[in-house]
Amino acid sequence: MYSEISQDQFIDTFSLLKDIKENKETLKNFKRSDFSQIYMFFDYDGQVTNAGDNKLSELLKFFNEETEMGKLYISYPMVEALKHIESFDLSKSLKNSF
């Protein structure tokens, strides 16, 4: 979703969410104007090969406003994920910047 939105400034986050197969039925009767805020929650798993602090930082900076592109929240679903954070300084600075 991030790659689509970041490449086209006119794509609406809600439209993309509505087009996801699992959301089609639930959101079929709604329009973008029915929602003033979009919140997204992502389970971060540092063991995934394409995960990383830089990508996480980029996502958090892009999805930083719930009334625009959406506000992204990161959850760390397991204690083991902490050992995969490359820089605890980065995680502290991210926490303090939002």
C-alpha atoms as a PDB file:
ATOM      1  CA  MET A   1       0.000   0.000   0.000  1.00  0.00           C
ATOM      2  CA  TYR A   2       2.824   2.400   0.877  1.00  0.00           C
ATOM      3  CA  SER A   3       4.519   1.930  -2.484  1.00  0.00           C
ATOM      4  CA  GLU A   4       1.300   2.725  -4.366  1.00  0.00           C
ATOM      5  CA  ILE A   5       0.473   5.827  -2.325  1.00  0.00           C
ATOM      6  CA  SER A   6       4.009   7.209  -2.250  1.00  0.00           C
ATOM      7  CA  GLN A   7       4.272   6.990  -6.051  1.00  0.00           C
ATOM      8  CA  ASP A   8       0.981   8.774  -6.785  1.00  0.00           C
ATOM      9  CA  GLN A   9      -0.009  11.795  -4.704  1.00  0.00           C
ATOM     10  CA  PHE A  10      -3.624  11.541  -5.909  1.00  0.00           C
ATOM     11  CA  ILE A  11      -4.277   8.014  -4.596  1.00  0.00           C
ATOM     12  CA  ASP A  12      -6.487   8.015  -1.539  1.00  0.00           C
ATOM     13  CA  THR A  13      -5.656   5.668   1.344  1.00  0.00           C
ATOM     14  CA  PHE A  14      -9.322   4.855   1.905  1.00  0.00           C
ATOM     15  CA  SER A  15      -9.780   3.839  -1.738  1.00  0.00           C
ATOM     16  CA  LEU A  16      -6.880   1.415  -1.461  1.00  0.00           C
ATOM     17  CA  LEU A  17      -8.235  -0.019   1.775  1.00  0.00           C
ATOM     18  CA  LYS A  18     -11.641  -0.433   0.185  1.00  0.00           C
ATOM     19  CA  ASP A  19     -10.120  -2.333  -2.765  1.00  0.00           C
ATOM     20  CA  ILE A  20      -8.482  -4.978  -0.549  1.00  0.00           C
ATOM     21  CA  LYS A  21     -10.347  -8.246  -1.002  1.00  0.00           C
ATOM     22  CA  GLU A  22     -10.963  -8.763   2.725  1.00  0.00           C
ATOM     23  CA  ASN A  23     -12.410  -5.242   3.076  1.00  0.00           C
ATOM     24  CA  LYS A  24     -14.712  -5.156   0.045  1.00  0.00           C
ATOM     25  CA  GLU A  25     -17.816  -6.452   1.779  1.00  0.00           C
ATOM     26  CA  THR A  26     -17.316  -4.486   4.998  1.00  0.00           C
ATOM     27  CA  LEU A  27     -16.620  -1.154   3.286  1.00  0.00           C
ATOM     28  CA  LYS A  28     -18.897  -1.464   0.246  1.00  0.00           C
ATOM     29  CA  ASN A  29     -21.499   1.025   1.538  1.00  0.00           C
ATOM     30  CA  PHE A  30     -18.996   3.643   2.718  1.00  0.00           C
ATOM     31  CA  LYS A  31     -17.405   6.639   0.997  1.00  0.00           C
ATOM     32  CA  ARG A  32     -14.187   8.449   1.903  1.00  0.00           C
ATOM     33  CA  SER A  33     -16.235  11.343   3.255  1.00  0.00           C
ATOM     34  CA  ASP A  34     -17.743   8.989   5.859  1.00  0.00           C
ATOM     35  CA  PHE A  35     -14.384   8.903   7.654  1.00  0.00           C
ATOM     36  CA  SER A  36     -12.382  11.799   9.034  1.00  0.00           C
ATOM     37  CA  GLN A  37      -9.488   9.689  10.340  1.00  0.00           C
ATOM     38  CA  ILE A  38      -7.630   6.554   9.268  1.00  0.00           C
ATOM     39  CA  TYR A  39      -5.551   4.563  11.737  1.00  0.00           C
ATOM     40  CA  MET A  40      -3.372   1.654  10.647  1.00  0.00           C
ATOM     41  CA  PHE A  41      -1.789  -0.940  12.912  1.00  0.00           C
ATOM     42  CA  PHE A  42       1.175  -2.999  11.817  1.00  0.00           C
ATOM     43  CA  ASP A  43       2.658  -5.979  13.630  1.00  0.00           C
ATOM     44  CA  TYR A  44       6.393  -5.528  13.215  1.00  0.00           C
ATOM     45  CA  ASP A  45       8.327  -8.745  12.930  1.00  0.00           C
ATOM     46  CA  GLY A  46      12.042  -8.059  12.724  1.00  0.00           C
ATOM     47  CA  GLN A  47      12.673 -11.600  11.515  1.00  0.00           C
ATOM     48  CA  VAL A  48      11.058 -10.918   8.132  1.00  0.00           C
ATOM     49  CA  THR A  49      13.753 -10.487   5.510  1.00  0.00           C
ATOM     50  CA  ASN A  50      12.471  -7.185   4.111  1.00  0.00           C
ATOM     51  CA  ALA A  51      11.949  -5.597   7.549  1.00  0.00           C
ATOM     52  CA  GLY A  52      14.353  -3.023   8.875  1.00  0.00           C
ATOM     53  CA  ASP A  53      14.695   0.116  10.929  1.00  0.00           C
ATOM     54  CA  ASN A  54      15.109   2.362   7.881  1.00  0.00           C
ATOM     55  CA  LYS A  55      11.956   1.061   6.225  1.00  0.00           C
ATOM     56  CA  LEU A  56      10.062   1.354   9.507  1.00  0.00           C
ATOM     57  CA  SER A  57      11.232   4.946   9.915  1.00  0.00           C
ATOM     58  CA  GLU A  58      10.166   5.759   6.354  1.00  0.00           C
ATOM     59  CA  LEU A  59       6.675   4.294   6.927  1.00  0.00           C
ATOM     60  CA  LEU A  60       6.209   6.172  10.202  1.00  0.00           C
ATOM     61  CA  LYS A  61       7.241   9.467   8.614  1.00  0.00           C
ATOM     62  CA  PHE A  62       4.889   8.953   5.670  1.00  0.00           C
ATOM     63  CA  PHE A  63       1.833   7.731   7.596  1.00  0.00           C
ATOM     64  CA  ASN A  64       2.062  10.373  10.319  1.00  0.00           C
ATOM     65  CA  GLU A  65      -1.323  12.105  10.162  1.00  0.00           C
ATOM     66  CA  GLU A  66      -4.668  10.370  10.650  1.00  0.00           C
ATOM     67  CA  THR A  67      -6.580  12.967   8.634  1.00  0.00           C
ATOM     68  CA  GLU A  68      -4.279  12.801   5.594  1.00  0.00           C
ATOM     69  CA  MET A  69      -2.671   9.532   4.409  1.00  0.00           C
ATOM     70  CA  GLY A  70      -3.374   7.788   7.693  1.00  0.00           C
ATOM     71  CA  LYS A  71      -1.630   7.368  11.037  1.00  0.00           C
ATOM     72  CA  LEU A  72       0.490   4.254  11.421  1.00  0.00           C
ATOM     73  CA  TYR A  73       1.030   2.522  14.745  1.00  0.00           C
ATOM     74  CA  ILE A  74       3.578  -0.237  15.166  1.00  0.00           C
ATOM     75  CA  SER A  75       3.171  -3.118  17.557  1.00  0.00           C
ATOM     76  CA  TYR A  76       5.900  -5.542  18.430  1.00  0.00           C
ATOM     77  CA  PRO A  77       3.991  -8.806  18.743  1.00  0.00           C
ATOM     78  CA  MET A  78       6.712 -10.758  20.446  1.00  0.00           C
ATOM     79  CA  VAL A  79       9.627 -10.174  22.761  1.00  0.00           C
ATOM     80  CA  GLU A  80      11.964 -11.730  20.195  1.00  0.00           C
ATOM     81  CA  ALA A  81      11.269  -8.824  17.820  1.00  0.00           C
ATOM     82  CA  LEU A  82      13.247  -6.504  20.088  1.00  0.00           C
ATOM     83  CA  LYS A  83      16.484  -8.312  19.400  1.00  0.00           C
ATOM     84  CA  HIS A  84      16.085  -7.510  15.698  1.00  0.00           C
ATOM     85  CA  ILE A  85      16.005  -3.745  16.141  1.00  0.00           C
ATOM     86  CA  GLU A  86      19.269  -2.606  14.633  1.00  0.00           C
ATOM     87  CA  SER A  87      19.441   0.650  16.574  1.00  0.00           C
ATOM     88  CA  PHE A  88      17.720   1.378  19.867  1.00  0.00           C
ATOM     89  CA  ASP A  89      18.730   5.025  19.395  1.00  0.00           C
ATOM     90  CA  LEU A  90      16.589   5.087  16.241  1.00  0.00           C
ATOM     91  CA  SER A  91      13.610   3.602  18.076  1.00  0.00           C
ATOM     92  CA  LYS A  92      13.980   6.220  20.839  1.00  0.00           C
ATOM     93  CA  SER A  93      14.145   9.064  18.322  1.00  0.00           C
ATOM     94  CA  LEU A  94      11.089   7.722  16.473  1.00  0.00           C
ATOM     95  CA  LYS A  95       9.144   7.522  19.722  1.00  0.00           C
ATOM     96  CA  ASN A  96      10.043  11.095  20.608  1.00  0.00           C
ATOM     97  CA  SER A  97       9.278  12.517  17.153  1.00  0.00           C
ATOM     98  CA  PHE A  98       5.634  11.454  16.945  1.00  0.00           C
END
